[in-house]
């Protein structure tokens, strides 16, 4: 006959909650926390919706900071790539106009 000791389980505590065996470093681990109605329990993504013009201006500002001293053609290439990355399809005329604006500043 073996003399094995079973580790206490959460259901072994008097109230059916977490017991000493469920804690690590003093913190009690629970499978799921129930959020209060006023508590944020998910990541807050896109809490401030941005329209396309604001996104365009953001790309222009970043491009100006990164390659504003390069040729208009290089700036236009960077703008094309960045607009594609953010899912904006701007015509070539608009991209060239924005590249000229970046180069002039």
PDB file of N, CA and C in Angstrom:
ATOM      1  N   UNK A   1       0.827  -1.169   0.000  1.00  0.00           N
ATOM      2  CA  UNK A   1       0.000   0.000   0.000  1.00  0.00           C
ATOM      3  C   UNK A   1       0.881   1.245   0.000  1.00  0.00           C
ATOM      4  N   UNK A   2       0.565   2.218  -0.900  1.00  0.00           N
ATOM      5  CA  UNK A   2       1.359   3.436  -0.951  1.00  0.00           C
ATOM      6  C   UNK A   2       0.729   4.490  -0.071  1.00  0.00           C
ATOM      7  N   UNK A   3       1.537   5.408   0.350  1.00  0.00           N
ATOM      8  CA  UNK A   3       1.066   6.471   1.225  1.00  0.00           C
ATOM      9  C   UNK A   3       1.188   7.792   0.479  1.00  0.00           C
ATOM     10  N   UNK A   4       0.409   7.975  -0.610  1.00  0.00           N
ATOM     11  CA  UNK A   4       0.469   9.194  -1.418  1.00  0.00           C
ATOM     12  C   UNK A   4      -0.430  10.262  -0.833  1.00  0.00           C
ATOM     13  N   UNK A   5       0.036  11.486  -0.918  1.00  0.00           N
ATOM     14  CA  UNK A   5      -0.774  12.611  -0.456  1.00  0.00           C
ATOM     15  C   UNK A   5      -1.208  13.416  -1.671  1.00  0.00           C
ATOM     16  N   UNK A   6      -2.471  13.675  -1.771  1.00  0.00           N
ATOM     17  CA  UNK A   6      -3.033  14.443  -2.879  1.00  0.00           C
ATOM     18  C   UNK A   6      -2.968  15.927  -2.534  1.00  0.00           C
ATOM     19  N   UNK A   7      -2.553  16.746  -3.538  1.00  0.00           N
ATOM     20  CA  UNK A   7      -2.507  18.196  -3.337  1.00  0.00           C
ATOM     21  C   UNK A   7      -3.921  18.729  -3.179  1.00  0.00           C
ATOM     22  N   UNK A   8      -4.116  19.691  -2.294  1.00  0.00           N
ATOM     23  CA  UNK A   8      -5.458  20.257  -2.118  1.00  0.00           C
ATOM     24  C   UNK A   8      -5.959  20.859  -3.432  1.00  0.00           C
ATOM     25  N   UNK A   9      -7.215  20.742  -3.692  1.00  0.00           N
ATOM     26  CA  UNK A   9      -7.862  21.263  -4.889  1.00  0.00           C
ATOM     27  C   UNK A   9      -8.729  22.452  -4.505  1.00  0.00           C
ATOM     28  N   UNK A  10      -9.041  23.354  -5.465  1.00  0.00           N
ATOM     29  CA  UNK A  10      -9.873  24.512  -5.140  1.00  0.00           C
ATOM     30  C   UNK A  10     -11.181  24.121  -4.476  1.00  0.00           C
ATOM     31  N   UNK A  11     -11.747  23.019  -4.888  1.00  0.00           N
ATOM     32  CA  UNK A  11     -13.021  22.612  -4.315  1.00  0.00           C
ATOM     33  C   UNK A  11     -12.878  22.086  -2.893  1.00  0.00           C
ATOM     34  N   UNK A  12     -11.612  21.872  -2.402  1.00  0.00           N
ATOM     35  CA  UNK A  12     -11.382  21.380  -1.053  1.00  0.00           C
ATOM     36  C   UNK A  12     -11.578  22.461   0.001  1.00  0.00           C
ATOM     37  N   UNK A  13     -11.520  23.730  -0.389  1.00  0.00           N
ATOM     38  CA  UNK A  13     -11.695  24.784   0.598  1.00  0.00           C
ATOM     39  C   UNK A  13     -13.156  24.841   1.020  1.00  0.00           C
ATOM     40  N   UNK A  14     -13.369  25.402   2.180  1.00  0.00           N
ATOM     41  CA  UNK A  14     -14.711  25.405   2.768  1.00  0.00           C
ATOM     42  C   UNK A  14     -15.754  26.061   1.889  1.00  0.00           C
ATOM     43  N   UNK A  15     -15.373  27.151   1.205  1.00  0.00           N
ATOM     44  CA  UNK A  15     -16.365  27.852   0.388  1.00  0.00           C
ATOM     45  C   UNK A  15     -16.328  27.436  -1.079  1.00  0.00           C
ATOM     46  N   UNK A  16     -15.499  26.451  -1.431  1.00  0.00           N
ATOM     47  CA  UNK A  16     -15.411  25.988  -2.812  1.00  0.00           C
ATOM     48  C   UNK A  16     -14.553  26.882  -3.681  1.00  0.00           C
ATOM     49  N   UNK A  17     -13.937  27.919  -3.093  1.00  0.00           N
ATOM     50  CA  UNK A  17     -13.101  28.859  -3.839  1.00  0.00           C
ATOM     51  C   UNK A  17     -11.664  28.402  -3.882  1.00  0.00           C
ATOM     52  N   UNK A  18     -10.761  29.326  -4.104  1.00  0.00           N
ATOM     53  CA  UNK A  18      -9.341  29.023  -4.226  1.00  0.00           C
ATOM     54  C   UNK A  18      -8.757  28.690  -2.863  1.00  0.00           C
ATOM     55  N   UNK A  19      -7.875  27.729  -2.847  1.00  0.00           N
ATOM     56  CA  UNK A  19      -7.179  27.349  -1.637  1.00  0.00           C
ATOM     57  C   UNK A  19      -5.717  27.737  -1.712  1.00  0.00           C
ATOM     58  N   UNK A  20      -4.954  27.376  -0.705  1.00  0.00           N
ATOM     59  CA  UNK A  20      -3.537  27.736  -0.648  1.00  0.00           C
ATOM     60  C   UNK A  20      -2.753  27.158  -1.826  1.00  0.00           C
ATOM     61  N   UNK A  21      -3.149  25.997  -2.315  1.00  0.00           N
ATOM     62  CA  UNK A  21      -2.428  25.361  -3.426  1.00  0.00           C
ATOM     63  C   UNK A  21      -2.627  26.111  -4.737  1.00  0.00           C
ATOM     64  N   UNK A  22      -3.613  26.993  -4.805  1.00  0.00           N
ATOM     65  CA  UNK A  22      -3.885  27.747  -6.031  1.00  0.00           C
ATOM     66  C   UNK A  22      -3.109  29.047  -6.105  1.00  0.00           C
ATOM     67  N   UNK A  23      -2.345  29.384  -5.091  1.00  0.00           N
ATOM     68  CA  UNK A  23      -1.643  30.658  -5.090  1.00  0.00           C
ATOM     69  C   UNK A  23      -0.164  30.472  -5.392  1.00  0.00           C
ATOM     70  N   UNK A  24       0.383  31.471  -6.026  1.00  0.00           N
ATOM     71  CA  UNK A  24       1.804  31.500  -6.333  1.00  0.00           C
ATOM     72  C   UNK A  24       2.290  32.871  -5.909  1.00  0.00           C
ATOM     73  N   UNK A  25       3.234  32.897  -5.017  1.00  0.00           N
ATOM     74  CA  UNK A  25       3.766  34.181  -4.577  1.00  0.00           C
ATOM     75  C   UNK A  25       2.722  35.058  -3.912  1.00  0.00           C
ATOM     76  N   UNK A  26       1.713  34.450  -3.324  1.00  0.00           N
ATOM     77  CA  UNK A  26       0.692  35.207  -2.623  1.00  0.00           C
ATOM     78  C   UNK A  26      -0.469  35.638  -3.491  1.00  0.00           C
ATOM     79  N   UNK A  27      -0.346  35.504  -4.818  1.00  0.00           N
ATOM     80  CA  UNK A  27      -1.441  35.897  -5.713  1.00  0.00           C
ATOM     81  C   UNK A  27      -2.311  34.682  -5.995  1.00  0.00           C
ATOM     82  N   UNK A  28      -3.596  34.860  -5.896  1.00  0.00           N
ATOM     83  CA  UNK A  28      -4.512  33.766  -6.178  1.00  0.00           C
ATOM     84  C   UNK A  28      -4.812  33.754  -7.659  1.00  0.00           C
ATOM     85  N   UNK A  29      -4.647  32.610  -8.288  1.00  0.00           N
ATOM     86  CA  UNK A  29      -4.903  32.465  -9.713  1.00  0.00           C
ATOM     87  C   UNK A  29      -6.301  31.914  -9.917  1.00  0.00           C
ATOM     88  N   UNK A  30      -7.049  32.580 -10.730  1.00  0.00           N
ATOM     89  CA  UNK A  30      -8.386  32.110 -11.047  1.00  0.00           C
ATOM     90  C   UNK A  30      -8.456  31.959 -12.562  1.00  0.00           C
ATOM     91  N   UNK A  31      -9.277  31.054 -13.013  1.00  0.00           N
ATOM     92  CA  UNK A  31      -9.397  30.811 -14.444  1.00  0.00           C
ATOM     93  C   UNK A  31      -9.975  32.009 -15.172  1.00  0.00           C
ATOM     94  N   UNK A  32     -10.952  32.682 -14.609  1.00  0.00           N
ATOM     95  CA  UNK A  32     -11.614  33.765 -15.318  1.00  0.00           C
ATOM     96  C   UNK A  32     -12.084  34.818 -14.340  1.00  0.00           C
ATOM     97  N   UNK A  33     -11.826  36.043 -14.672  1.00  0.00           N
ATOM     98  CA  UNK A  33     -12.273  37.166 -13.866  1.00  0.00           C
ATOM     99  C   UNK A  33     -13.523  37.745 -14.514  1.00  0.00           C
ATOM    100  N   UNK A  34     -14.532  37.979 -13.736  1.00  0.00           N
ATOM    101  CA  UNK A  34     -15.760  38.566 -14.244  1.00  0.00           C
ATOM    102  C   UNK A  34     -15.618  40.078 -14.175  1.00  0.00           C
ATOM    103  N   UNK A  35     -15.771  40.730 -15.313  1.00  0.00           N
ATOM    104  CA  UNK A  35     -15.606  42.181 -15.383  1.00  0.00           C
ATOM    105  C   UNK A  35     -16.849  42.889 -14.859  1.00  0.00           C
ATOM    106  N   UNK A  36     -16.601  44.003 -14.193  1.00  0.00           N
ATOM    107  CA  UNK A  36     -17.724  44.855 -13.771  1.00  0.00           C
ATOM    108  C   UNK A  36     -18.198  45.631 -14.993  1.00  0.00           C
ATOM    109  N   UNK A  37     -19.435  46.106 -14.983  1.00  0.00           N
ATOM    110  CA  UNK A  37     -19.953  46.841 -16.150  1.00  0.00           C
ATOM    111  C   UNK A  37     -19.133  48.080 -16.504  1.00  0.00           C
ATOM    112  N   UNK A  38     -18.522  48.736 -15.516  1.00  0.00           N
ATOM    113  CA  UNK A  38     -17.749  49.952 -15.772  1.00  0.00           C
ATOM    114  C   UNK A  38     -16.262  49.681 -15.969  1.00  0.00           C
ATOM    115  N   UNK A  39     -15.867  48.412 -16.070  1.00  0.00           N
ATOM    116  CA  UNK A  39     -14.462  48.047 -16.176  1.00  0.00           C
ATOM    117  C   UNK A  39     -14.119  47.641 -17.607  1.00  0.00           C
ATOM    118  N   UNK A  40     -12.996  48.127 -18.100  1.00  0.00           N
ATOM    119  CA  UNK A  40     -12.521  47.742 -19.430  1.00  0.00           C
ATOM    120  C   UNK A  40     -11.838  46.403 -19.312  1.00  0.00           C
ATOM    121  N   UNK A  41     -12.359  45.400 -20.010  1.00  0.00           N
ATOM    122  CA  UNK A  41     -11.782  44.068 -19.920  1.00  0.00           C
ATOM    123  C   UNK A  41     -11.190  43.597 -21.243  1.00  0.00           C
ATOM    124  N   UNK A  42     -11.301  44.391 -22.272  1.00  0.00           N
ATOM    125  CA  UNK A  42     -10.759  44.075 -23.589  1.00  0.00           C
ATOM    126  C   UNK A  42      -9.868  45.237 -24.019  1.00  0.00           C
ATOM    127  N   UNK A  43      -8.939  45.014 -24.941  1.00  0.00           N
ATOM    128  CA  UNK A  43      -8.128  46.127 -25.440  1.00  0.00           C
ATOM    129  C   UNK A  43      -9.013  47.190 -26.091  1.00  0.00           C
ATOM    130  N   UNK A  44      -8.679  48.428 -25.856  1.00  0.00           N
ATOM    131  CA  UNK A  44      -9.436  49.535 -26.429  1.00  0.00           C
ATOM    132  C   UNK A  44      -8.810  49.913 -27.757  1.00  0.00           C
ATOM    133  N   UNK A  45      -9.269  49.302 -28.818  1.00  0.00           N
ATOM    134  CA  UNK A  45      -8.714  49.574 -30.134  1.00  0.00           C
ATOM    135  C   UNK A  45      -9.652  50.490 -30.900  1.00  0.00           C
ATOM    136  N   UNK A  46      -9.074  51.413 -31.624  1.00  0.00           N
ATOM    137  CA  UNK A  46      -9.842  52.345 -32.429  1.00  0.00           C
ATOM    138  C   UNK A  46     -10.893  53.078 -31.612  1.00  0.00           C
ATOM    139  N   UNK A  47     -10.496  53.534 -30.433  1.00  0.00           N
ATOM    140  CA  UNK A  47     -11.453  54.267 -29.614  1.00  0.00           C
ATOM    141  C   UNK A  47     -11.717  55.653 -30.187  1.00  0.00           C
ATOM    142  N   UNK A  48     -10.789  56.132 -30.994  1.00  0.00           N
ATOM    143  CA  UNK A  48     -10.971  57.415 -31.659  1.00  0.00           C
ATOM    144  C   UNK A  48     -10.900  57.166 -33.162  1.00  0.00           C
ATOM    145  N   UNK A  49     -12.038  56.991 -33.793  1.00  0.00           N
ATOM    146  CA  UNK A  49     -12.017  56.697 -35.224  1.00  0.00           C
ATOM    147  C   UNK A  49     -11.303  57.797 -36.010  1.00  0.00           C
ATOM    148  N   UNK A  50     -10.535  57.384 -36.989  1.00  0.00           N
ATOM    149  CA  UNK A  50      -9.778  58.322 -37.804  1.00  0.00           C
ATOM    150  C   UNK A  50     -10.300  58.268 -39.225  1.00  0.00           C
ATOM    151  N   UNK A  51     -10.579  59.438 -39.785  1.00  0.00           N
ATOM    152  CA  UNK A  51     -11.043  59.445 -41.171  1.00  0.00           C
ATOM    153  C   UNK A  51      -9.833  59.376 -42.103  1.00  0.00           C
ATOM    154  N   UNK A  52     -10.103  59.143 -43.383  1.00  0.00           N
ATOM    155  CA  UNK A  52      -9.016  58.962 -44.357  1.00  0.00           C
ATOM    156  C   UNK A  52      -8.108  60.176 -44.452  1.00  0.00           C
ATOM    157  N   UNK A  53      -8.669  61.374 -44.409  1.00  0.00           N
ATOM    158  CA  UNK A  53      -7.825  62.582 -44.524  1.00  0.00           C
ATOM    159  C   UNK A  53      -6.846  62.687 -43.354  1.00  0.00           C
ATOM    160  N   UNK A  54      -7.299  62.337 -42.170  1.00  0.00           N
ATOM    161  CA  UNK A  54      -6.408  62.371 -41.008  1.00  0.00           C
ATOM    162  C   UNK A  54      -5.309  61.312 -41.159  1.00  0.00           C
ATOM    163  N   UNK A  55      -5.649  60.152 -41.678  1.00  0.00           N
ATOM    164  CA  UNK A  55      -4.651  59.105 -41.905  1.00  0.00           C
ATOM    165  C   UNK A  55      -3.653  59.547 -42.970  1.00  0.00           C
ATOM    166  N   UNK A  56      -4.147  60.201 -44.025  1.00  0.00           N
ATOM    167  CA  UNK A  56      -3.260  60.707 -45.080  1.00  0.00           C
ATOM    168  C   UNK A  56      -2.282  61.711 -44.495  1.00  0.00           C
ATOM    169  N   UNK A  57      -2.796  62.645 -43.694  1.00  0.00           N
ATOM    170  CA  UNK A  57      -1.929  63.654 -43.104  1.00  0.00           C
ATOM    171  C   UNK A  57      -0.907  63.030 -42.156  1.00  0.00           C
ATOM    172  N   UNK A  58      -1.302  61.981 -41.446  1.00  0.00           N
ATOM    173  CA  UNK A  58      -0.367  61.281 -40.575  1.00  0.00           C
ATOM    174  C   UNK A  58       0.772  60.645 -41.357  1.00  0.00           C
ATOM    175  N   UNK A  59       0.445  60.031 -42.491  1.00  0.00           N
ATOM    176  CA  UNK A  59       1.461  59.430 -43.348  1.00  0.00           C
ATOM    177  C   UNK A  59       2.381  60.515 -43.903  1.00  0.00           C
ATOM    178  N   UNK A  60       1.804  61.637 -44.305  1.00  0.00           N
ATOM    179  CA  UNK A  60       2.598  62.740 -44.858  1.00  0.00           C
ATOM    180  C   UNK A  60       3.571  63.281 -43.802  1.00  0.00           C
ATOM    181  N   UNK A  61       3.082  63.485 -42.594  1.00  0.00           N
ATOM    182  CA  UNK A  61       3.936  64.006 -41.520  1.00  0.00           C
ATOM    183  C   UNK A  61       5.089  63.048 -41.240  1.00  0.00           C
ATOM    184  N   UNK A  62       4.786  61.747 -41.157  1.00  0.00           N
ATOM    185  CA  UNK A  62       5.842  60.769 -40.887  1.00  0.00           C
ATOM    186  C   UNK A  62       6.834  60.685 -42.043  1.00  0.00           C
ATOM    187  N   UNK A  63       6.327  60.745 -43.269  1.00  0.00           N
ATOM    188  CA  UNK A  63       7.197  60.685 -44.442  1.00  0.00           C
ATOM    189  C   UNK A  63       8.099  61.910 -44.497  1.00  0.00           C
ATOM    190  N   UNK A  64       7.547  63.060 -44.172  1.00  0.00           N
ATOM    191  CA  UNK A  64       8.346  64.296 -44.132  1.00  0.00           C
ATOM    192  C   UNK A  64       9.495  64.140 -43.138  1.00  0.00           C
ATOM    193  N   UNK A  65       9.209  63.567 -41.982  1.00  0.00           N
ATOM    194  CA  UNK A  65      10.244  63.382 -40.962  1.00  0.00           C
ATOM    195  C   UNK A  65      11.292  62.363 -41.407  1.00  0.00           C
ATOM    196  N   UNK A  66      10.851  61.330 -42.135  1.00  0.00           N
ATOM    197  CA  UNK A  66      11.768  60.255 -42.515  1.00  0.00           C
ATOM    198  C   UNK A  66      12.583  60.536 -43.778  1.00  0.00           C
ATOM    199  N   UNK A  67      11.948  61.076 -44.826  1.00  0.00           N
ATOM    200  CA  UNK A  67      12.628  61.252 -46.118  1.00  0.00           C
ATOM    201  C   UNK A  67      12.350  62.605 -46.758  1.00  0.00           C
ATOM    202  N   UNK A  68      12.021  63.589 -45.955  1.00  0.00           N
ATOM    203  CA  UNK A  68      11.674  64.905 -46.479  1.00  0.00           C
ATOM    204  C   UNK A  68      12.788  65.598 -47.233  1.00  0.00           C
ATOM    205  N   UNK A  69      14.018  65.151 -47.035  1.00  0.00           N
ATOM    206  CA  UNK A  69      15.150  65.784 -47.724  1.00  0.00           C
ATOM    207  C   UNK A  69      15.566  65.027 -48.986  1.00  0.00           C
ATOM    208  N   UNK A  70      14.807  64.024 -49.383  1.00  0.00           N
ATOM    209  CA  UNK A  70      15.114  63.237 -50.582  1.00  0.00           C
ATOM    210  C   UNK A  70      14.417  63.842 -51.799  1.00  0.00           C
ATOM    211  N   UNK A  71      14.612  63.233 -52.947  1.00  0.00           N
ATOM    212  CA  UNK A  71      13.987  63.725 -54.188  1.00  0.00           C
ATOM    213  C   UNK A  71      12.467  63.493 -54.142  1.00  0.00           C
ATOM    214  N   UNK A  72      11.742  64.261 -54.937  1.00  0.00           N
ATOM    215  CA  UNK A  72      10.287  64.088 -55.009  1.00  0.00           C
ATOM    216  C   UNK A  72       9.919  62.673 -55.429  1.00  0.00           C
ATOM    217  N   UNK A  73      10.699  62.082 -56.321  1.00  0.00           N
ATOM    218  CA  UNK A  73      10.405  60.717 -56.773  1.00  0.00           C
ATOM    219  C   UNK A  73      10.548  59.718 -55.626  1.00  0.00           C
ATOM    220  N   UNK A  74      11.610  59.881 -54.827  1.00  0.00           N
ATOM    221  CA  UNK A  74      11.813  58.992 -53.673  1.00  0.00           C
ATOM    222  C   UNK A  74      10.688  59.180 -52.667  1.00  0.00           C
ATOM    223  N   UNK A  75      10.320  60.414 -52.409  1.00  0.00           N
ATOM    224  CA  UNK A  75       9.228  60.709 -51.473  1.00  0.00           C
ATOM    225  C   UNK A  75       7.929  60.074 -51.975  1.00  0.00           C
ATOM    226  N   UNK A  76       7.669  60.202 -53.283  1.00  0.00           N
ATOM    227  CA  UNK A  76       6.454  59.611 -53.865  1.00  0.00           C
ATOM    228  C   UNK A  76       6.471  58.091 -53.705  1.00  0.00           C
ATOM    229  N   UNK A  77       7.620  57.463 -53.891  1.00  0.00           N
ATOM    230  CA  UNK A  77       7.725  56.010 -53.724  1.00  0.00           C
ATOM    231  C   UNK A  77       7.406  55.604 -52.284  1.00  0.00           C
ATOM    232  N   UNK A  78       7.946  56.350 -51.332  1.00  0.00           N
ATOM    233  CA  UNK A  78       7.697  56.054 -49.920  1.00  0.00           C
ATOM    234  C   UNK A  78       6.212  56.260 -49.599  1.00  0.00           C
ATOM    235  N   UNK A  79       5.636  57.339 -50.119  1.00  0.00           N
ATOM    236  CA  UNK A  79       4.210  57.588 -49.887  1.00  0.00           C
ATOM    237  C   UNK A  79       3.355  56.453 -50.458  1.00  0.00           C
ATOM    238  N   UNK A  80       3.648  56.003 -51.671  1.00  0.00           N
ATOM    239  CA  UNK A  80       2.899  54.882 -52.277  1.00  0.00           C
ATOM    240  C   UNK A  80       2.937  53.654 -51.376  1.00  0.00           C
ATOM    241  N   UNK A  81       4.136  53.332 -50.917  1.00  0.00           N
ATOM    242  CA  UNK A  81       4.310  52.153 -50.061  1.00  0.00           C
ATOM    243  C   UNK A  81       3.521  52.303 -48.761  1.00  0.00           C
ATOM    244  N   UNK A  82       3.631  53.436 -48.130  1.00  0.00           N
ATOM    245  CA  UNK A  82       2.964  53.637 -46.837  1.00  0.00           C
ATOM    246  C   UNK A  82       1.448  53.682 -46.977  1.00  0.00           C
ATOM    247  N   UNK A  83       0.958  54.302 -48.044  1.00  0.00           N
ATOM    248  CA  UNK A  83      -0.494  54.311 -48.239  1.00  0.00           C
ATOM    249  C   UNK A  83      -1.005  52.901 -48.504  1.00  0.00           C
ATOM    250  N   UNK A  84      -0.239  52.095 -49.219  1.00  0.00           N
ATOM    251  CA  UNK A  84      -0.628  50.692 -49.459  1.00  0.00           C
ATOM    252  C   UNK A  84      -0.658  49.929 -48.137  1.00  0.00           C
ATOM    253  N   UNK A  85       0.307  50.186 -47.262  1.00  0.00           N
ATOM    254  CA  UNK A  85       0.382  49.505 -45.971  1.00  0.00           C
ATOM    255  C   UNK A  85      -0.823  49.808 -45.086  1.00  0.00           C
ATOM    256  N   UNK A  86      -1.341  51.027 -45.167  1.00  0.00           N
ATOM    257  CA  UNK A  86      -2.495  51.386 -44.327  1.00  0.00           C
ATOM    258  C   UNK A  86      -3.818  51.193 -45.050  1.00  0.00           C
ATOM    259  N   UNK A  87      -3.755  50.676 -46.277  1.00  0.00           N
ATOM    260  CA  UNK A  87      -4.976  50.356 -46.998  1.00  0.00           C
ATOM    261  C   UNK A  87      -5.648  51.523 -47.686  1.00  0.00           C
ATOM    262  N   UNK A  88      -4.887  52.555 -48.021  1.00  0.00           N
ATOM    263  CA  UNK A  88      -5.432  53.706 -48.741  1.00  0.00           C
ATOM    264  C   UNK A  88      -4.975  53.665 -50.188  1.00  0.00           C
ATOM    265  N   UNK A  89      -5.913  53.808 -51.089  1.00  0.00           N
ATOM    266  CA  UNK A  89      -5.606  53.784 -52.517  1.00  0.00           C
ATOM    267  C   UNK A  89      -5.747  55.202 -53.058  1.00  0.00           C
ATOM    268  N   UNK A  90      -4.626  55.915 -53.116  1.00  0.00           N
ATOM    269  CA  UNK A  90      -4.632  57.281 -53.638  1.00  0.00           C
ATOM    270  C   UNK A  90      -4.138  57.258 -55.074  1.00  0.00           C
ATOM    271  N   UNK A  91      -4.693  58.101 -55.886  1.00  0.00           N
ATOM    272  CA  UNK A  91      -4.250  58.206 -57.270  1.00  0.00           C
ATOM    273  C   UNK A  91      -2.852  58.781 -57.367  1.00  0.00           C
ATOM    274  N   UNK A  92      -2.216  58.535 -58.494  1.00  0.00           N
ATOM    275  CA  UNK A  92      -0.846  58.989 -58.687  1.00  0.00           C
ATOM    276  C   UNK A  92      -0.737  60.514 -58.636  1.00  0.00           C
ATOM    277  N   UNK A  93      -1.745  61.221 -59.165  1.00  0.00           N
ATOM    278  CA  UNK A  93      -1.714  62.693 -59.123  1.00  0.00           C
ATOM    279  C   UNK A  93      -1.690  63.198 -57.679  1.00  0.00           C
ATOM    280  N   UNK A  94      -2.497  62.580 -56.819  1.00  0.00           N
ATOM    281  CA  UNK A  94      -2.542  63.008 -55.411  1.00  0.00           C
ATOM    282  C   UNK A  94      -1.220  62.688 -54.722  1.00  0.00           C
ATOM    283  N   UNK A  95      -0.651  61.531 -55.019  1.00  0.00           N
ATOM    284  CA  UNK A  95       0.621  61.154 -54.397  1.00  0.00           C
ATOM    285  C   UNK A  95       1.731  62.110 -54.833  1.00  0.00           C
ATOM    286  N   UNK A  96       1.757  62.445 -56.122  1.00  0.00           N
ATOM    287  CA  UNK A  96       2.778  63.395 -56.614  1.00  0.00           C
ATOM    288  C   UNK A  96       2.597  64.773 -55.988  1.00  0.00           C
ATOM    289  N   UNK A  97       1.367  65.198 -55.810  1.00  0.00           N
ATOM    290  CA  UNK A  97       1.120  66.494 -55.175  1.00  0.00           C
ATOM    291  C   UNK A  97       1.585  66.486 -53.721  1.00  0.00           C
ATOM    292  N   UNK A  98       1.315  65.385 -53.027  1.00  0.00           N
ATOM    293  CA  UNK A  98       1.771  65.274 -51.638  1.00  0.00           C
ATOM    294  C   UNK A  98       3.290  65.198 -51.565  1.00  0.00           C
ATOM    295  N   UNK A  99       3.911  64.500 -52.501  1.00  0.00           N
ATOM    296  CA  UNK A  99       5.379  64.413 -52.533  1.00  0.00           C
ATOM    297  C   UNK A  99       5.982  65.800 -52.760  1.00  0.00           C
ATOM    298  N   UNK A 100       5.384  66.582 -53.644  1.00  0.00           N
ATOM    299  CA  UNK A 100       5.872  67.957 -53.882  1.00  0.00           C
ATOM    300  C   UNK A 100       5.720  68.798 -52.627  1.00  0.00           C
ATOM    301  N   UNK A 101       4.621  68.614 -51.929  1.00  0.00           N
ATOM    302  CA  UNK A 101       4.381  69.351 -50.678  1.00  0.00           C
ATOM    303  C   UNK A 101       5.446  68.996 -49.628  1.00  0.00           C
ATOM    304  N   UNK A 102       5.760  67.701 -49.514  1.00  0.00           N
ATOM    305  CA  UNK A 102       6.776  67.249 -48.554  1.00  0.00           C
ATOM    306  C   UNK A 102       8.152  67.809 -48.948  1.00  0.00           C
ATOM    307  N   UNK A 103       8.486  67.752 -50.218  1.00  0.00           N
ATOM    308  CA  UNK A 103       9.790  68.219 -50.691  1.00  0.00           C
ATOM    309  C   UNK A 103       9.960  69.722 -50.501  1.00  0.00           C
ATOM    310  N   UNK A 104       8.879  70.460 -50.602  1.00  0.00           N
ATOM    311  CA  UNK A 104       8.939  71.931 -50.490  1.00  0.00           C
ATOM    312  C   UNK A 104       9.079  72.399 -49.047  1.00  0.00           C
ATOM    313  N   UNK A 105       8.756  71.549 -48.112  1.00  0.00           N
ATOM    314  CA  UNK A 105       8.790  71.997 -46.720  1.00  0.00           C
ATOM    315  C   UNK A 105      10.132  71.782 -46.051  1.00  0.00           C
TER     316      UNK A 105
END
